[in-house]
Protein backbone atom coordinates (compact mmCIF):
# COMPACT_ATOMS: atom_id res chain seq x y z
CA MET A 1 105.52 120.94 153.96
CA SER A 2 102.27 118.94 152.23
CA THR A 3 102.38 117.07 149.14
CA PRO A 4 100.62 118.31 145.91
CA PRO A 5 97.77 115.68 145.01
CA LEU A 6 98.33 113.60 142.62
CA LEU A 7 96.36 114.14 139.11
CA PRO A 8 95.32 110.77 137.43
CA VAL A 9 97.49 109.78 134.61
CA THR A 10 94.35 108.11 133.01
CA ASN A 11 90.61 107.69 133.69
CA GLN A 12 89.20 104.62 133.23
CA GLN A 13 85.91 105.56 132.13
CA ALA A 14 87.64 107.51 129.28
CA VAL A 15 89.55 104.71 128.09
CA GLN A 16 86.87 102.40 125.98
CA SER A 17 87.68 100.99 122.69
CA GLN A 18 84.90 101.57 119.87
CA PRO A 19 83.99 98.39 118.17
CA PRO A 20 85.09 98.85 114.21
CA ILE A 21 81.91 100.28 112.30
CA ASN A 22 80.84 97.00 110.76
CA THR A 23 76.70 98.03 108.97
CA PRO A 24 75.75 96.77 106.36
CA ALA A 25 75.66 100.59 105.14
CA PHE A 26 79.55 100.61 105.71
CA HIS A 27 80.35 97.64 103.83
CA THR A 28 77.92 98.40 100.89
CA PHE A 29 79.54 101.97 101.04
CA PHE A 30 83.05 100.28 100.79
CA SER A 31 82.25 97.47 98.06
CA HIS A 32 80.90 100.23 96.49
CA LEU A 33 83.73 102.43 96.23
CA SER A 34 86.36 99.67 95.51
CA THR A 35 83.97 98.73 92.58
CA SER A 36 84.47 102.24 91.02
CA ILE A 37 88.56 102.22 91.63
CA ARG A 38 88.83 99.04 89.91
CA ASP A 39 86.58 100.20 87.21
CA GLY A 40 88.83 103.85 86.70
CA LEU A 41 91.64 102.32 86.79
CA SER A 42 90.95 99.52 84.03
CA GLN A 43 90.65 102.54 81.65
CA ARG A 44 94.10 103.46 81.69
CA ARG A 45 95.96 103.74 79.08
CA PRO A 46 99.33 102.19 78.35
CA TRP A 47 102.10 104.17 80.07
CA ALA A 48 104.49 103.43 76.94
CA GLU A 49 101.87 105.13 74.88
CA LEU A 50 101.69 108.48 76.74
CA VAL A 51 104.59 109.71 76.46
CA ASP A 52 105.89 107.87 73.21
CA ARG A 53 108.04 110.47 71.49
CA ASN A 54 106.96 109.21 67.89
CA SER A 55 103.40 109.88 68.17
CA MET A 56 104.02 113.79 69.07
CA ALA A 57 104.37 116.34 66.17
CA ARG A 58 103.91 119.87 66.19
CA PRO A 59 100.64 120.62 65.33
CA GLU A 60 99.66 122.70 62.55
CA SER A 61 97.42 125.05 63.63
CA LEU A 62 95.88 126.74 67.29
CA THR A 63 92.62 124.77 66.33
CA ASP A 64 94.33 121.57 65.95
CA ALA A 65 96.48 121.99 68.76
CA LEU A 66 93.18 122.64 70.91
CA SER A 67 91.52 119.49 69.07
CA ARG A 68 94.19 117.73 70.21
CA ILE A 69 94.40 118.11 73.60
CA GLY A 70 90.91 117.53 73.81
CA LYS A 71 90.84 114.32 72.82
CA ASN A 72 94.48 113.78 74.72
CA LEU A 73 92.26 114.72 77.45
CA VAL A 74 89.59 112.18 77.67
CA TYR A 75 91.71 109.30 76.01
CA PHE A 76 94.62 109.83 78.99
CA LYS A 77 91.94 111.22 81.68
CA VAL A 78 92.64 108.06 83.99
CA ASN A 79 96.71 108.35 83.43
CA TYR A 80 96.45 112.07 84.25
CA VAL A 81 94.63 111.64 87.26
CA THR A 82 96.93 109.17 88.49
CA VAL A 83 99.49 111.18 87.73
CA ILE A 84 98.43 114.28 89.77
CA GLN A 85 97.31 112.11 92.70
CA LEU A 86 101.04 111.50 93.52
């Protein structure tokens, strides 16, 4: 009875670590991305202002409600995006 041939567990040629990406374009991309995120988060409104029940009142009409929704979307857009991302 002969033993079956052993299969290699690792291939020394295939196990090569790739160097980290360190090009000027890559660095510029992440620098721009970081700046954009910081600028976006700086436009965030206080959370207490978003959930302040004293500032909430029933709108008088559908037009008033739609106007408020539009204004709130613009004013609290960063807060809303943050909540959606969670």
